[in-house]
Amino acid sequence: MKIETKCLHSGYEPKNGEPRMIPIIQSTTFKYDSSEEMGKLFDLKANGYFYSRLQNPTCDMVAAKIAALEGGTAAMLTGSGQAANFLSVFNLANVGDHVIASSAIYGGSFNLFNVTMRKMGIEFTFVNPDCTDEELEAAYKPNTKAVFGETIANPALIVFDIERFAKSAHKHGVPLIVDNTFATPINCRPFEFGADIVTHSTTKYMDGHDATVGGVIVDHGQFDWMAHADKFPGLCTPDESYHGITYAERFGNAGAFITKATAQLMRDFGMVQAPVNAYMLNLGLESLPVRIERHCSNAQKIAEFLEKNEKVAWVNYPGLPGNKYYERAKKYMPNGTCGVISFGVKGGRKNAEKFMAGLKLGMIATHVADARTCCLHPASSTHRQMSEEELNAAGVPSDLVRLSVGLENVDDLIADISEALKSV
């Protein structure tokens, strides 16, 4: 099936007389006829459900759909995109370990890694996504356990060179984790370029309607954990907290990562997505291809308009031929990038705020990538915990305005933006 068809049909096949739509299994608990049957579930010797803090049928159906969209072997829904990124890294790296991450990532992810996970004893080295090969090589340490980047950085819109970072990670025997939130699997499938784990904030384009918070982790199922057993004891040695199971031996490359994340981390942290949220997420997934196409076409026209406007200092959109990442975007996302544009209003921070106040259709909101157009000044909101130096390193200068282009008529949006710029 092509990806548009998968958005509608993957993850759930109703049998005769069953519900046409994925059902909402709104239950914490599942009944069994014997302790022996339940014991098999606890030993991971049988498939099934016993408590929704770990797994739920509705969530698993939607996760299976996303795995199919990305081309992965297994997936797990989480309560948020932050939870997905945390669990994807913590599933591999623990106290005393080291992770390399792109410096151009979402401010919340940067703070998660740079502050919270450092408190847990995990060291992070942040590298410029456009660093030299020598700089990237110098970032590795004997205890490096993973490399992390974003397909399209939020909000810097730097296009991550997935293939290059994947080759580098594999040379050192570690997986590449890619947050694919902005591109979605409609426009980019990182596994095709060597990535090993993909995460999403499903709150964004996948839901697409400001309705539900959520996240997902997808495993490509190709990384050979046992070939690097010394680096990944959590996957390659017995887990005494779960009946002595060695995940990589029992479930192989295709299932080890997600099984461990579910049986061990979801069990202990409970960062679960609610079944009703998964149901609503699935509704968004069904229309994802059509929406992404419209988001991208609207954004392209608005970026071209902004580029010619005398009140605008600069425009950053990978779809513009003059953009630094235009050719890289064509390689990884030939059908379009996303609906998010970054630009600066002449006069800096003060005029940027004036412009946003002048918008009528575009709303000021701490959100991005949904049906309605919204804008944000990251330096005073999502990235406000970062210093000027950190902002510049992340590609988020203090005059940057992030415009998330929605599904409205593009002429209406251009008129609204034009009027707001006149007030500057």
Protein backbone atom coordinates (compact mmCIF):
# COMPACT_ATOMS: atom_id res chain seq x y z
CA MET A 1 0.00 0.00 0.00
CA LYS A 2 1.07 3.57 -0.66
CA ILE A 3 1.34 5.83 2.36
CA GLU A 4 -2.01 7.59 1.76
CA THR A 5 -3.73 4.20 1.92
CA LYS A 6 -1.77 3.16 5.01
CA CYS A 7 -3.03 6.29 6.80
CA LEU A 8 -6.54 4.88 6.45
CA HIS A 9 -6.09 1.13 6.66
CA SER A 10 -2.95 0.19 8.63
CA GLY A 11 -2.98 -0.88 12.27
CA TYR A 12 -6.52 -2.26 12.43
CA GLU A 13 -8.48 -4.64 10.22
CA PRO A 14 -12.06 -5.14 11.44
CA LYS A 15 -13.40 -8.66 11.15
CA ASN A 16 -16.95 -9.57 10.26
CA GLY A 17 -19.40 -7.58 12.37
CA GLU A 18 -16.68 -5.61 14.20
CA PRO A 19 -16.53 -1.79 14.49
CA ARG A 20 -15.44 0.01 11.32
CA MET A 21 -13.39 2.50 13.36
CA ILE A 22 -10.65 1.66 15.83
CA PRO A 23 -12.55 1.08 19.09
CA ILE A 24 -11.81 3.00 22.27
CA ILE A 25 -10.92 0.40 24.91
CA GLN A 26 -11.37 2.71 27.89
CA SER A 27 -10.39 0.25 30.60
CA THR A 28 -7.53 0.12 33.06
CA THR A 29 -7.82 -3.61 33.62
CA PHE A 30 -8.31 -6.84 31.67
CA LYS A 31 -9.90 -10.05 32.97
CA TYR A 32 -8.47 -13.57 32.59
CA ASP A 33 -9.84 -17.00 33.48
CA SER A 34 -6.72 -18.26 35.26
CA SER A 35 -3.56 -17.08 37.00
CA GLU A 36 -1.60 -19.24 34.58
CA GLU A 37 -2.82 -17.20 31.59
CA MET A 38 -1.98 -13.95 33.32
CA GLY A 39 1.41 -15.31 34.37
CA LYS A 40 2.32 -15.88 30.71
CA LEU A 41 1.64 -12.22 30.05
CA PHE A 42 3.85 -11.14 32.94
CA ASP A 43 6.61 -13.42 31.65
CA LEU A 44 6.21 -11.91 28.14
CA LYS A 45 5.53 -15.41 26.80
CA ALA A 46 2.11 -14.48 25.45
CA ASN A 47 0.56 -11.42 23.81
CA GLY A 48 -2.19 -9.59 25.62
CA TYR A 49 -3.07 -6.88 28.10
CA PHE A 50 -3.24 -6.74 31.85
CA TYR A 51 -2.97 -3.07 32.81
CA SER A 52 -3.29 0.07 30.69
CA ARG A 53 -0.35 1.79 32.35
CA LEU A 54 1.83 -0.43 30.17
CA GLN A 55 -0.24 -1.21 27.10
CA ASN A 56 -3.74 -0.70 25.80
CA PRO A 57 -5.31 -2.17 22.62
CA THR A 58 -6.46 1.19 21.23
CA CYS A 59 -3.00 2.70 21.70
CA ASP A 60 -1.32 -0.32 20.15
CA MET A 61 -3.51 -0.21 17.04
CA VAL A 62 -2.62 3.44 16.44
CA ALA A 63 1.05 2.78 17.21
CA ALA A 64 1.00 -0.03 14.64
CA LYS A 65 -0.37 2.39 12.04
CA ILE A 66 2.45 4.88 12.71
CA ALA A 67 5.02 2.08 12.56
CA ALA A 68 3.65 1.17 9.12
CA LEU A 69 3.84 4.80 7.99
CA GLU A 70 7.48 5.09 9.07
CA GLY A 71 8.47 1.62 7.88
CA GLY A 72 9.32 0.37 11.38
CA THR A 73 8.81 -2.97 13.09
CA ALA A 74 7.33 -1.78 16.39
CA ALA A 75 6.06 1.40 18.03
CA MET A 76 4.81 2.69 21.36
CA LEU A 77 2.55 5.68 22.06
CA THR A 78 3.47 8.01 24.91
CA GLY A 79 1.69 10.77 26.79
CA SER A 80 3.63 13.53 24.98
CA GLY A 81 6.43 14.18 22.52
CA GLN A 82 8.69 15.04 25.46
CA ALA A 83 7.96 11.63 26.96
CA ALA A 84 8.82 9.97 23.63
CA ASN A 85 12.18 11.73 23.42
CA PHE A 86 12.99 11.03 27.06
CA LEU A 87 12.14 7.33 26.87
CA SER A 88 13.91 6.85 23.52
CA VAL A 89 17.18 8.09 25.05
CA PHE A 90 16.73 6.67 28.56
CA ASN A 91 16.06 3.24 27.06
CA LEU A 92 19.73 3.26 26.01
CA ALA A 93 21.62 5.65 28.28
CA ASN A 94 21.74 5.62 32.06
CA VAL A 95 23.89 7.20 34.78
CA GLY A 96 27.49 7.54 33.62
CA ASP A 97 26.61 7.36 29.91
CA HIS A 98 26.98 9.95 27.15
CA VAL A 99 24.77 11.10 24.26
CA ILE A 100 25.50 13.35 21.28
CA ALA A 101 22.68 15.68 20.22
CA SER A 102 22.25 18.33 17.57
CA SER A 103 22.30 21.81 19.10
CA ALA A 104 19.46 22.82 16.78
CA ILE A 105 16.53 21.09 18.47
CA TYR A 106 13.28 22.15 20.11
CA GLY A 107 13.91 24.21 23.26
CA GLY A 108 11.98 21.78 25.44
CA SER A 109 14.11 18.88 24.21
CA PHE A 110 17.28 20.89 24.76
CA ASN A 111 16.25 21.62 28.35
CA LEU A 112 15.27 17.96 28.91
CA PHE A 113 18.73 16.84 27.84
CA ASN A 114 20.85 19.71 29.09
CA VAL A 115 19.25 20.11 32.54
CA THR A 116 16.94 17.31 33.64
CA MET A 117 18.74 14.29 32.21
CA ARG A 118 22.11 15.68 33.32
CA LYS A 119 20.70 15.51 36.85
CA MET A 120 20.13 11.82 36.19
CA GLY A 121 23.83 11.40 35.48
CA ILE A 122 23.72 11.34 31.68
CA GLU A 123 26.19 13.61 29.90
CA PHE A 124 25.26 15.37 26.64
CA THR A 125 27.48 16.93 24.00
CA PHE A 126 25.66 19.31 21.65
CA VAL A 127 27.08 19.66 18.14
CA ASN A 128 26.20 22.06 15.38
CA PRO A 129 24.26 20.03 12.79
CA ASP A 130 26.51 21.58 10.15
CA CYS A 131 29.72 20.75 12.04
CA THR A 132 32.73 19.36 10.20
CA ASP A 133 33.42 15.63 10.14
CA GLU A 134 36.33 16.26 12.49
CA GLU A 135 34.14 18.11 14.99
CA LEU A 136 31.55 15.35 14.91
CA GLU A 137 34.18 12.66 15.36
CA ALA A 138 35.65 14.53 18.34
CA ALA A 139 32.26 14.50 20.10
CA TYR A 140 32.23 10.72 20.58
CA LYS A 141 33.38 9.11 23.81
CA PRO A 142 33.83 5.48 24.84
CA ASN A 143 30.55 5.72 26.79
CA THR A 144 28.50 7.33 23.97
CA LYS A 145 25.20 5.43 23.62
CA ALA A 146 23.19 7.37 20.99
CA VAL A 147 23.05 10.32 18.60
CA PHE A 148 19.94 12.53 18.45
CA GLY A 149 18.68 15.08 15.91
CA GLU A 150 15.51 16.60 14.38
CA THR A 151 14.60 16.14 10.71
CA ILE A 152 13.62 19.82 10.55
CA ALA A 153 14.72 21.73 13.63
CA ASN A 154 12.02 23.55 15.59
CA PRO A 155 12.05 26.53 15.04
CA ALA A 156 15.42 27.04 13.30
CA LEU A 157 14.25 24.94 10.29
CA ILE A 158 17.73 23.48 9.85
CA VAL A 159 17.46 20.32 7.76
CA PHE A 160 19.33 17.50 9.50
CA ASP A 161 21.74 15.48 7.34
CA ILE A 162 20.32 12.13 8.43
CA GLU A 163 22.50 9.94 6.24
CA ARG A 164 25.73 11.58 7.39
CA PHE A 165 24.89 11.35 11.09
CA ALA A 166 23.64 7.76 10.70
CA LYS A 167 26.91 6.65 9.11
CA SER A 168 28.86 8.37 11.87
CA ALA A 169 26.75 6.81 14.63
CA HIS A 170 27.01 3.32 13.13
CA LYS A 171 30.78 3.67 12.78
CA HIS A 172 30.84 4.02 16.57
CA GLY A 173 28.32 1.23 17.16
CA VAL A 174 25.44 3.40 18.38
CA PRO A 175 21.95 4.14 16.97
CA LEU A 176 20.70 7.40 15.50
CA ILE A 177 17.45 8.76 16.98
CA VAL A 178 15.56 11.25 14.80
CA ASP A 179 12.62 13.40 15.87
CA ASN A 180 10.52 13.51 12.68
CA THR A 181 7.69 15.70 14.02
CA PHE A 182 7.81 18.55 11.48
CA ALA A 183 8.33 16.49 8.31
CA THR A 184 6.03 13.61 9.32
CA PRO A 185 6.37 10.28 7.48
CA ILE A 186 4.42 11.84 4.61
CA ASN A 187 7.40 14.00 3.63
CA CYS A 188 10.34 12.11 5.15
CA ARG A 189 11.02 8.59 6.38
CA PRO A 190 14.34 8.74 8.26
CA PHE A 191 14.72 4.93 8.30
CA GLU A 192 15.30 5.07 4.54
CA PHE A 193 18.43 7.15 5.21
CA GLY A 194 19.89 5.07 8.02
CA ALA A 195 18.13 6.26 11.19
CA ASP A 196 17.38 3.59 13.81
CA ILE A 197 14.74 5.12 16.09
CA VAL A 198 12.15 7.76 15.16
CA THR A 199 10.12 9.88 17.57
CA HIS A 200 7.22 12.28 17.07
CA SER A 201 5.24 14.74 19.04
CA THR A 202 1.91 13.47 17.75
CA THR A 203 0.41 16.65 19.22
CA LYS A 204 1.55 18.44 16.06
CA TYR A 205 0.72 17.50 12.45
CA MET A 206 -0.31 13.93 13.23
CA ASP A 207 -3.21 15.12 15.38
CA GLY A 208 -3.38 18.41 13.54
CA HIS A 209 -6.37 19.94 15.31
CA ASP A 210 -5.21 21.21 18.75
CA ALA A 211 -7.11 18.32 20.28
CA THR A 212 -4.70 15.88 21.96
CA VAL A 213 -1.22 15.82 23.47
CA GLY A 214 0.82 12.73 22.65
CA GLY A 215 4.01 11.18 21.37
CA VAL A 216 5.31 8.02 19.72
CA ILE A 217 8.54 6.03 19.46
CA VAL A 218 9.11 3.85 16.39
CA ASP A 219 11.90 1.29 16.03
CA HIS A 220 13.30 0.42 12.61
CA GLY A 221 14.17 -3.03 13.94
CA GLN A 222 17.49 -3.14 12.08
CA PHE A 223 20.08 -2.15 14.69
CA ASP A 224 22.07 -5.18 15.86
CA TRP A 225 22.07 -4.79 19.64
CA MET A 226 23.93 -8.02 20.38
CA ALA A 227 26.75 -7.00 18.04
CA HIS A 228 27.36 -4.12 20.48
CA ALA A 229 26.31 -5.94 23.66
CA ASP A 230 28.97 -4.24 25.80
CA LYS A 231 27.41 -0.84 25.02
CA PHE A 232 23.81 -1.84 25.72
CA PRO A 233 23.63 -4.03 28.84
CA GLY A 234 20.00 -3.00 29.39
CA LEU A 235 19.05 -4.79 26.17
CA CYS A 236 21.70 -7.49 26.05
CA THR A 237 21.93 -8.78 29.64
CA PRO A 238 19.18 -10.19 31.89
CA ASP A 239 16.73 -7.66 33.32
CA GLU A 240 16.37 -8.80 36.92
CA SER A 241 13.41 -6.43 37.36
CA TYR A 242 11.54 -8.42 34.71
CA HIS A 243 12.14 -12.11 35.39
CA GLY A 244 15.68 -12.11 34.02
CA ILE A 245 14.63 -11.53 30.40
CA THR A 246 17.35 -10.55 27.94
CA TYR A 247 15.35 -8.44 25.51
CA ALA A 248 17.70 -8.66 22.51
CA GLU A 249 17.81 -12.46 22.76
CA ARG A 250 14.10 -13.03 23.36
CA PHE A 251 12.69 -10.49 20.90
CA GLY A 252 15.51 -9.94 18.41
CA ASN A 253 16.38 -6.69 16.67
CA ALA A 254 12.78 -6.17 15.53
CA GLY A 255 11.21 -6.16 18.99
CA ALA A 256 13.82 -5.66 21.70
CA PHE A 257 13.86 -1.87 21.91
CA ILE A 258 10.10 -1.28 22.12
CA THR A 259 9.52 -4.30 24.37
CA LYS A 260 12.07 -3.01 26.88
CA ALA A 261 10.64 0.52 26.66
CA THR A 262 7.17 -0.87 27.39
CA ALA A 263 7.86 -3.62 29.93
CA GLN A 264 10.46 -1.69 31.90
CA LEU A 265 10.19 2.07 31.36
CA MET A 266 6.46 2.47 30.75
CA ARG A 267 5.87 0.15 33.72
CA ASP A 268 7.92 2.44 35.98
CA PHE A 269 7.18 5.92 34.57
CA GLY A 270 3.61 5.45 33.33
CA MET A 271 3.94 8.05 30.53
CA VAL A 272 1.04 6.41 28.77
CA GLN A 273 -1.25 7.95 26.15
CA ALA A 274 -4.94 7.71 27.02
CA PRO A 275 -7.05 5.48 24.73
CA VAL A 276 -9.41 8.33 23.86
CA ASN A 277 -6.41 10.47 22.85
CA ALA A 278 -5.15 7.64 20.66
CA TYR A 279 -8.58 7.42 19.02
CA MET A 280 -8.54 11.16 18.25
CA LEU A 281 -4.96 10.91 17.01
CA ASN A 282 -6.08 8.23 14.57
CA LEU A 283 -8.70 10.59 13.14
CA GLY A 284 -5.91 13.05 12.45
CA LEU A 285 -3.73 10.40 10.84
CA GLU A 286 -6.46 9.51 8.36
CA SER A 287 -6.32 12.98 6.78
CA LEU A 288 -2.57 13.58 7.29
CA PRO A 289 -1.49 13.32 3.62
CA VAL A 290 -4.07 15.81 2.38
CA ARG A 291 -3.37 18.26 5.18
CA ILE A 292 0.42 18.11 4.83
CA GLU A 293 0.16 18.85 1.11
CA ARG A 294 -1.95 21.95 1.84
CA HIS A 295 0.27 23.10 4.73
CA CYS A 296 3.31 22.94 2.45
CA SER A 297 1.74 24.68 -0.54
CA ASN A 298 0.39 27.50 1.65
CA ALA A 299 3.74 27.92 3.40
CA GLN A 300 5.63 28.02 0.11
CA LYS A 301 3.47 30.89 -1.21
CA ILE A 302 3.71 32.83 2.07
CA ALA A 303 7.48 32.37 2.26
CA GLU A 304 7.78 33.76 -1.27
CA PHE A 305 5.57 36.73 -0.27
CA LEU A 306 7.64 37.45 2.86
CA GLU A 307 10.89 37.25 0.91
CA LYS A 308 9.76 40.17 -1.25
CA ASN A 309 8.32 42.33 1.57
CA GLU A 310 10.41 45.37 2.52
CA LYS A 311 9.46 45.09 6.23
CA VAL A 312 11.01 41.62 6.50
CA ALA A 313 14.72 41.32 7.32
CA TRP A 314 15.15 37.67 6.39
CA VAL A 315 13.13 34.53 5.67
CA ASN A 316 14.09 30.96 6.51
CA TYR A 317 12.12 28.27 4.70
CA PRO A 318 13.79 25.20 3.18
CA GLY A 319 11.46 25.33 0.18
CA LEU A 320 12.97 28.62 -1.06
CA PRO A 321 15.63 28.09 -3.77
CA GLY A 322 17.99 30.52 -2.05
CA ASN A 323 17.76 28.75 1.31
CA LYS A 324 20.93 27.21 2.75
CA TYR A 325 19.15 23.86 3.15
CA TYR A 326 17.24 23.84 -0.14
CA GLU A 327 19.29 21.08 -1.79
CA ARG A 328 19.40 18.98 1.38
CA ALA A 329 15.64 19.35 1.73
CA LYS A 330 15.21 18.15 -1.87
CA LYS A 331 17.23 15.04 -1.00
CA TYR A 332 15.33 14.10 2.14
CA MET A 333 11.94 15.72 1.45
CA PRO A 334 11.41 16.00 -2.31
CA ASN A 335 7.64 16.52 -1.95
CA GLY A 336 7.86 19.38 0.55
CA THR A 337 9.12 20.09 4.05
CA CYS A 338 6.51 21.45 6.47
CA GLY A 339 4.18 24.39 7.06
CA VAL A 340 6.46 26.30 9.43
CA ILE A 341 8.35 29.45 8.40
CA SER A 342 10.90 31.39 10.44
CA PHE A 343 11.55 35.03 9.64
CA GLY A 344 12.73 38.28 11.15
CA VAL A 345 10.90 41.61 11.11
CA LYS A 346 13.12 44.63 10.56
CA GLY A 347 13.64 46.41 13.86
CA GLY A 348 14.19 43.25 15.90
CA ARG A 349 12.31 41.93 18.92
CA LYS A 350 10.12 45.02 19.46
CA ASN A 351 8.79 45.10 15.89
CA ALA A 352 8.35 41.33 15.84
CA GLU A 353 5.98 41.65 18.79
CA LYS A 354 4.17 44.53 17.04
CA PHE A 355 3.70 42.40 13.94
CA MET A 356 2.23 39.50 15.91
CA ALA A 357 -0.16 41.83 17.73
CA GLY A 358 -1.42 43.04 14.34
CA LEU A 359 -2.47 39.62 13.10
CA LYS A 360 -6.18 38.82 12.97
CA LEU A 361 -6.29 35.30 11.51
CA GLY A 362 -2.94 34.17 12.83
CA MET A 363 -3.14 33.68 16.58
CA ILE A 364 -0.32 33.98 19.11
CA ALA A 365 -0.06 30.51 20.61
CA THR A 366 2.49 28.19 22.17
CA HIS A 367 1.75 25.62 19.55
CA VAL A 368 2.68 24.73 16.02
CA ALA A 369 1.71 22.48 13.15
CA ASP A 370 -2.07 22.35 13.23
CA ALA A 371 -5.02 23.33 11.05
CA ARG A 372 -5.10 26.99 12.15
CA THR A 373 -2.33 29.50 11.52
CA CYS A 374 -0.46 30.60 14.62
CA CYS A 375 2.75 32.44 15.43
CA LEU A 376 5.22 32.63 18.28
CA HIS A 377 8.28 34.54 19.44
CA PRO A 378 10.42 31.60 20.67
CA ALA A 379 13.07 33.65 22.49
CA SER A 380 10.44 34.91 24.94
CA SER A 381 8.44 31.68 25.18
CA THR A 382 9.48 28.12 24.25
CA HIS A 383 13.21 28.95 24.31
CA ARG A 384 13.19 31.58 27.08
CA GLN A 385 15.32 29.37 29.37
CA MET A 386 18.21 29.62 26.88
CA SER A 387 20.97 32.27 26.93
CA GLU A 388 21.70 34.46 23.89
CA GLU A 389 24.66 32.20 23.13
CA GLU A 390 22.49 29.07 23.34
CA LEU A 391 19.77 30.71 21.23
CA ASN A 392 22.26 31.49 18.47
CA ALA A 393 23.77 27.99 18.67
CA ALA A 394 20.28 26.54 18.28
CA GLY A 395 19.60 28.79 15.28
CA VAL A 396 16.95 30.76 17.15
CA PRO A 397 18.03 34.43 17.21
CA SER A 398 16.06 36.73 19.47
CA ASP A 399 14.32 38.46 16.52
CA LEU A 400 12.94 35.21 15.09
CA VAL A 401 9.20 34.84 14.53
CA ARG A 402 7.89 31.32 13.99
CA LEU A 403 4.86 31.26 11.71
CA SER A 404 2.97 27.97 11.54
CA VAL A 405 0.89 28.16 8.38
CA GLY A 406 -2.52 26.52 8.61
CA LEU A 407 -5.12 25.29 6.15
CA GLU A 408 -6.93 28.59 5.58
CA ASN A 409 -7.20 30.09 2.11
CA VAL A 410 -3.70 31.31 1.32
CA ASP A 411 -4.94 34.66 -0.06
CA ASP A 412 -6.67 35.38 3.26
CA LEU A 413 -3.47 34.56 5.13
CA ILE A 414 -1.29 36.75 2.91
CA ALA A 415 -3.75 39.64 3.34
CA ASP A 416 -3.65 39.22 7.13
CA ILE A 417 0.17 39.10 7.22
CA SER A 418 0.42 42.09 4.87
CA GLU A 419 -1.86 44.23 7.11
CA ALA A 420 0.08 43.25 10.23
CA LEU A 421 3.39 44.21 8.58
CA LYS A 422 1.97 47.64 7.73
CA SER A 423 1.68 48.35 11.48
CA VAL A 424 5.45 47.94 11.91
